[in-house]
Amino acid sequence: METGFIVPIQAADSIGGLNQAQKTSQAEGSNLFKDIFQNAVDNVKRAEANHEQQMYLLATGQLEDGHTVTIAAAEAMLASDLLVQLRNKAVEAYNELMRITV
């Protein structure tokens, strides 16, 4: 199991070293968040392109088994549903953070 989001403990020789370690961990966290959404968007694009290709092949008579179109449609629908749910959870988390009083 990969744990790329856990930053190892680094010795801080000075305050500057400590600030650099904090900046590094913040940058890695933002990249992880960005990568999750980028992968979800890419997955939706791939699934929809596959569905369109399967529909084209069926329409032109090049597809021998029609059930692959239905499978591709289901995959595209699930990928887009997952992306929407990720977005909803991110918005919920953002709203919850905005409600926190400091």
N, C-alpha and C. Protein backbone atom coordinates (compact mmCIF):
# COMPACT_ATOMS: atom_id res chain seq x y z
N MET A 1 0.85 -1.17 0.00
CA MET A 1 0.00 0.00 0.00
C MET A 1 0.89 1.23 0.00
N GLU A 2 0.69 2.09 -0.95
CA GLU A 2 1.52 3.28 -1.08
C GLU A 2 0.98 4.39 -0.19
N THR A 3 1.89 5.00 0.55
CA THR A 3 1.50 6.10 1.43
C THR A 3 2.30 7.33 1.06
N GLY A 4 2.12 7.81 -0.16
CA GLY A 4 2.85 8.97 -0.64
C GLY A 4 2.44 10.26 0.03
N PHE A 5 1.30 10.28 0.69
CA PHE A 5 0.83 11.51 1.31
C PHE A 5 1.41 11.70 2.71
N ILE A 6 2.09 10.68 3.26
CA ILE A 6 2.71 10.82 4.57
C ILE A 6 4.13 11.30 4.37
N VAL A 7 4.43 12.45 4.96
CA VAL A 7 5.75 13.04 4.81
C VAL A 7 6.64 12.53 5.94
N PRO A 8 7.83 11.98 5.62
CA PRO A 8 8.70 11.49 6.68
C PRO A 8 9.22 12.64 7.54
N ILE A 9 9.57 12.31 8.77
CA ILE A 9 10.11 13.30 9.70
C ILE A 9 11.49 13.72 9.22
N GLN A 10 11.71 15.03 9.16
CA GLN A 10 13.00 15.55 8.73
C GLN A 10 13.58 16.39 9.85
N ALA A 11 14.89 16.28 10.01
CA ALA A 11 15.56 17.09 11.03
C ALA A 11 15.58 18.54 10.58
N ALA A 12 15.23 19.43 11.50
CA ALA A 12 15.21 20.85 11.20
C ALA A 12 16.40 21.50 11.90
N ASP A 13 17.44 21.83 11.14
CA ASP A 13 18.62 22.45 11.72
C ASP A 13 18.35 23.90 12.10
N SER A 14 17.44 24.51 11.39
CA SER A 14 17.12 25.90 11.68
C SER A 14 15.64 26.12 11.41
N ILE A 15 15.18 27.29 11.70
CA ILE A 15 13.77 27.62 11.45
C ILE A 15 13.49 27.57 9.95
N GLY A 16 14.47 27.98 9.15
CA GLY A 16 14.28 27.93 7.69
C GLY A 16 14.06 26.52 7.21
N GLY A 17 14.76 25.56 7.80
CA GLY A 17 14.57 24.16 7.43
C GLY A 17 13.18 23.67 7.79
N LEU A 18 12.66 24.14 8.92
CA LEU A 18 11.32 23.76 9.34
C LEU A 18 10.28 24.35 8.40
N ASN A 19 10.45 25.60 8.01
CA ASN A 19 9.52 26.23 7.08
C ASN A 19 9.53 25.52 5.74
N GLN A 20 10.72 25.10 5.28
CA GLN A 20 10.82 24.40 4.00
C GLN A 20 10.09 23.06 4.07
N ALA A 21 10.22 22.34 5.19
CA ALA A 21 9.53 21.06 5.33
C ALA A 21 8.02 21.26 5.32
N GLN A 22 7.54 22.33 5.95
CA GLN A 22 6.10 22.61 5.95
C GLN A 22 5.61 22.94 4.56
N LYS A 23 6.38 23.73 3.81
CA LYS A 23 5.99 24.08 2.45
C LYS A 23 5.95 22.85 1.57
N THR A 24 6.91 21.94 1.75
CA THR A 24 6.96 20.72 0.96
C THR A 24 5.74 19.86 1.23
N SER A 25 5.38 19.68 2.50
CA SER A 25 4.23 18.84 2.82
C SER A 25 2.93 19.47 2.32
N GLN A 26 2.82 20.80 2.37
CA GLN A 26 1.62 21.46 1.86
C GLN A 26 1.53 21.30 0.35
N ALA A 27 2.64 21.42 -0.35
CA ALA A 27 2.63 21.27 -1.81
C ALA A 27 2.27 19.85 -2.19
N GLU A 28 2.78 18.85 -1.46
CA GLU A 28 2.45 17.46 -1.77
C GLU A 28 0.98 17.18 -1.50
N GLY A 29 0.43 17.78 -0.44
CA GLY A 29 -0.99 17.59 -0.14
C GLY A 29 -1.88 18.19 -1.20
N SER A 30 -1.52 19.37 -1.70
CA SER A 30 -2.33 19.98 -2.75
C SER A 30 -2.20 19.20 -4.06
N ASN A 31 -1.02 18.64 -4.32
CA ASN A 31 -0.86 17.82 -5.52
C ASN A 31 -1.67 16.54 -5.42
N LEU A 32 -1.74 15.95 -4.23
CA LEU A 32 -2.53 14.75 -4.05
C LEU A 32 -4.01 15.04 -4.31
N PHE A 33 -4.50 16.14 -3.76
CA PHE A 33 -5.89 16.53 -3.97
C PHE A 33 -6.16 16.77 -5.45
N LYS A 34 -5.25 17.46 -6.10
CA LYS A 34 -5.40 17.75 -7.53
C LYS A 34 -5.35 16.46 -8.35
N ASP A 35 -4.45 15.55 -7.99
CA ASP A 35 -4.31 14.30 -8.73
C ASP A 35 -5.55 13.43 -8.65
N ILE A 36 -6.19 13.43 -7.49
CA ILE A 36 -7.41 12.63 -7.34
C ILE A 36 -8.48 13.11 -8.31
N PHE A 37 -8.70 14.42 -8.36
CA PHE A 37 -9.72 14.95 -9.26
C PHE A 37 -9.30 14.83 -10.72
N GLN A 38 -8.02 15.01 -11.01
CA GLN A 38 -7.55 14.87 -12.39
C GLN A 38 -7.75 13.44 -12.88
N ASN A 39 -7.45 12.46 -12.03
CA ASN A 39 -7.67 11.06 -12.41
C ASN A 39 -9.15 10.77 -12.62
N ALA A 40 -10.01 11.34 -11.80
CA ALA A 40 -11.45 11.11 -11.96
C ALA A 40 -11.95 11.72 -13.27
N VAL A 41 -11.48 12.92 -13.60
CA VAL A 41 -11.89 13.57 -14.85
C VAL A 41 -11.37 12.78 -16.05
N ASP A 42 -10.12 12.33 -15.97
CA ASP A 42 -9.55 11.53 -17.07
C ASP A 42 -10.30 10.22 -17.23
N ASN A 43 -10.71 9.62 -16.12
CA ASN A 43 -11.47 8.37 -16.18
C ASN A 43 -12.82 8.59 -16.86
N VAL A 44 -13.47 9.70 -16.58
CA VAL A 44 -14.75 10.01 -17.23
C VAL A 44 -14.54 10.20 -18.73
N LYS A 45 -13.49 10.93 -19.10
CA LYS A 45 -13.22 11.16 -20.53
C LYS A 45 -12.95 9.85 -21.26
N ARG A 46 -12.14 8.97 -20.64
CA ARG A 46 -11.83 7.68 -21.26
C ARG A 46 -13.08 6.83 -21.41
N ALA A 47 -13.91 6.79 -20.37
CA ALA A 47 -15.12 5.96 -20.40
C ALA A 47 -16.10 6.47 -21.46
N GLU A 48 -16.24 7.78 -21.55
CA GLU A 48 -17.16 8.33 -22.56
C GLU A 48 -16.63 8.11 -23.97
N ALA A 49 -15.32 8.24 -24.14
CA ALA A 49 -14.74 7.98 -25.47
C ALA A 49 -14.92 6.52 -25.86
N ASN A 50 -14.76 5.62 -24.91
CA ASN A 50 -14.96 4.19 -25.17
C ASN A 50 -16.42 3.92 -25.53
N HIS A 51 -17.34 4.56 -24.84
CA HIS A 51 -18.76 4.38 -25.13
C HIS A 51 -19.09 4.88 -26.53
N GLU A 52 -18.58 6.05 -26.89
CA GLU A 52 -18.82 6.58 -28.23
C GLU A 52 -18.23 5.67 -29.30
N GLN A 53 -17.05 5.13 -29.05
CA GLN A 53 -16.41 4.22 -30.00
C GLN A 53 -17.25 2.95 -30.16
N GLN A 54 -17.74 2.40 -29.05
CA GLN A 54 -18.57 1.20 -29.13
C GLN A 54 -19.88 1.46 -29.87
N MET A 55 -20.49 2.64 -29.65
CA MET A 55 -21.72 2.98 -30.38
C MET A 55 -21.44 3.13 -31.87
N TYR A 56 -20.29 3.73 -32.22
CA TYR A 56 -19.92 3.88 -33.63
C TYR A 56 -19.74 2.52 -34.27
N LEU A 57 -19.03 1.63 -33.58
CA LEU A 57 -18.80 0.30 -34.13
C LEU A 57 -20.11 -0.46 -34.30
N LEU A 58 -21.04 -0.29 -33.37
CA LEU A 58 -22.33 -0.95 -33.49
C LEU A 58 -23.12 -0.38 -34.66
N ALA A 59 -23.10 0.94 -34.82
CA ALA A 59 -23.85 1.58 -35.89
C ALA A 59 -23.31 1.23 -37.27
N THR A 60 -22.02 1.01 -37.39
CA THR A 60 -21.43 0.68 -38.68
C THR A 60 -21.38 -0.81 -38.94
N GLY A 61 -21.85 -1.62 -37.99
CA GLY A 61 -21.91 -3.05 -38.18
C GLY A 61 -20.59 -3.76 -37.94
N GLN A 62 -19.64 -3.09 -37.33
CA GLN A 62 -18.33 -3.70 -37.08
C GLN A 62 -18.27 -4.42 -35.74
N LEU A 63 -19.32 -4.31 -34.95
CA LEU A 63 -19.35 -4.90 -33.61
C LEU A 63 -20.21 -6.16 -33.66
N GLU A 64 -19.63 -7.28 -33.21
CA GLU A 64 -20.36 -8.53 -33.28
C GLU A 64 -21.23 -8.78 -32.05
N ASP A 65 -20.85 -8.21 -30.92
CA ASP A 65 -21.63 -8.42 -29.70
C ASP A 65 -22.15 -7.08 -29.19
N GLY A 66 -23.45 -6.95 -29.18
CA GLY A 66 -24.07 -5.68 -28.82
C GLY A 66 -24.03 -5.36 -27.33
N HIS A 67 -23.74 -6.35 -26.50
CA HIS A 67 -23.73 -6.09 -25.06
C HIS A 67 -22.56 -5.23 -24.61
N THR A 68 -21.52 -5.11 -25.43
CA THR A 68 -20.38 -4.27 -25.05
C THR A 68 -20.77 -2.79 -25.04
N VAL A 69 -21.76 -2.43 -25.84
CA VAL A 69 -22.24 -1.04 -25.84
C VAL A 69 -22.90 -0.73 -24.50
N THR A 70 -23.71 -1.65 -24.01
CA THR A 70 -24.37 -1.47 -22.73
C THR A 70 -23.36 -1.42 -21.59
N ILE A 71 -22.36 -2.26 -21.65
CA ILE A 71 -21.32 -2.27 -20.62
C ILE A 71 -20.55 -0.95 -20.65
N ALA A 72 -20.21 -0.47 -21.83
CA ALA A 72 -19.49 0.80 -21.95
C ALA A 72 -20.34 1.96 -21.44
N ALA A 73 -21.65 1.91 -21.70
CA ALA A 73 -22.55 2.97 -21.21
C ALA A 73 -22.62 2.95 -19.69
N ALA A 74 -22.67 1.77 -19.11
CA ALA A 74 -22.70 1.66 -17.65
C ALA A 74 -21.40 2.16 -17.03
N GLU A 75 -20.27 1.84 -17.65
CA GLU A 75 -18.98 2.31 -17.15
C GLU A 75 -18.90 3.84 -17.21
N ALA A 76 -19.38 4.43 -18.29
CA ALA A 76 -19.36 5.89 -18.43
C ALA A 76 -20.26 6.54 -17.38
N MET A 77 -21.42 5.94 -17.15
CA MET A 77 -22.34 6.48 -16.16
C MET A 77 -21.74 6.39 -14.75
N LEU A 78 -21.13 5.27 -14.42
CA LEU A 78 -20.52 5.11 -13.10
C LEU A 78 -19.35 6.05 -12.90
N ALA A 79 -18.56 6.26 -13.94
CA ALA A 79 -17.42 7.18 -13.83
C ALA A 79 -17.89 8.61 -13.59
N SER A 80 -18.93 9.02 -14.30
CA SER A 80 -19.44 10.38 -14.10
C SER A 80 -20.12 10.52 -12.74
N ASP A 81 -20.81 9.48 -12.28
CA ASP A 81 -21.42 9.51 -10.95
C ASP A 81 -20.35 9.62 -9.86
N LEU A 82 -19.25 8.90 -10.03
CA LEU A 82 -18.16 8.98 -9.07
C LEU A 82 -17.56 10.38 -9.03
N LEU A 83 -17.38 10.99 -10.18
CA LEU A 83 -16.85 12.34 -10.24
C LEU A 83 -17.79 13.33 -9.55
N VAL A 84 -19.07 13.19 -9.76
CA VAL A 84 -20.04 14.07 -9.12
C VAL A 84 -20.02 13.88 -7.61
N GLN A 85 -19.93 12.65 -7.14
CA GLN A 85 -19.88 12.40 -5.70
C GLN A 85 -18.59 12.95 -5.08
N LEU A 86 -17.47 12.83 -5.78
CA LEU A 86 -16.22 13.42 -5.29
C LEU A 86 -16.36 14.94 -5.16
N ARG A 87 -16.97 15.54 -6.16
CA ARG A 87 -17.18 16.99 -6.11
C ARG A 87 -18.09 17.37 -4.95
N ASN A 88 -19.16 16.61 -4.75
CA ASN A 88 -20.08 16.90 -3.65
C ASN A 88 -19.39 16.79 -2.30
N LYS A 89 -18.57 15.77 -2.12
CA LYS A 89 -17.86 15.61 -0.85
C LYS A 89 -16.84 16.73 -0.65
N ALA A 90 -16.19 17.17 -1.71
CA ALA A 90 -15.23 18.27 -1.59
C ALA A 90 -15.95 19.57 -1.21
N VAL A 91 -17.11 19.80 -1.79
CA VAL A 91 -17.89 21.00 -1.45
C VAL A 91 -18.38 20.92 -0.01
N GLU A 92 -18.83 19.74 0.41
CA GLU A 92 -19.25 19.57 1.80
C GLU A 92 -18.10 19.85 2.76
N ALA A 93 -16.93 19.33 2.45
CA ALA A 93 -15.76 19.54 3.31
C ALA A 93 -15.39 21.02 3.35
N TYR A 94 -15.44 21.69 2.21
CA TYR A 94 -15.14 23.12 2.16
C TYR A 94 -16.14 23.91 3.01
N ASN A 95 -17.42 23.60 2.87
CA ASN A 95 -18.43 24.29 3.67
C ASN A 95 -18.26 24.04 5.16
N GLU A 96 -17.87 22.83 5.51
CA GLU A 96 -17.63 22.51 6.92
C GLU A 96 -16.44 23.31 7.45
N LEU A 97 -15.41 23.45 6.65
CA LEU A 97 -14.24 24.25 7.06
C LEU A 97 -14.61 25.73 7.22
N MET A 98 -15.50 26.21 6.39
CA MET A 98 -15.91 27.61 6.49
C MET A 98 -16.74 27.88 7.75
N ARG A 99 -17.40 26.84 8.27
CA ARG A 99 -18.21 27.00 9.48
C ARG A 99 -17.37 27.00 10.75
N ILE A 100 -16.13 26.54 10.66
CA ILE A 100 -15.28 26.47 11.84
C ILE A 100 -14.91 27.89 12.28
N THR A 101 -15.08 28.16 13.58
CA THR A 101 -14.71 29.45 14.11
C THR A 101 -13.33 29.34 14.75
N VAL A 102 -12.54 30.36 14.51
CA VAL A 102 -11.19 30.34 15.04
C VAL A 102 -11.09 31.19 16.27
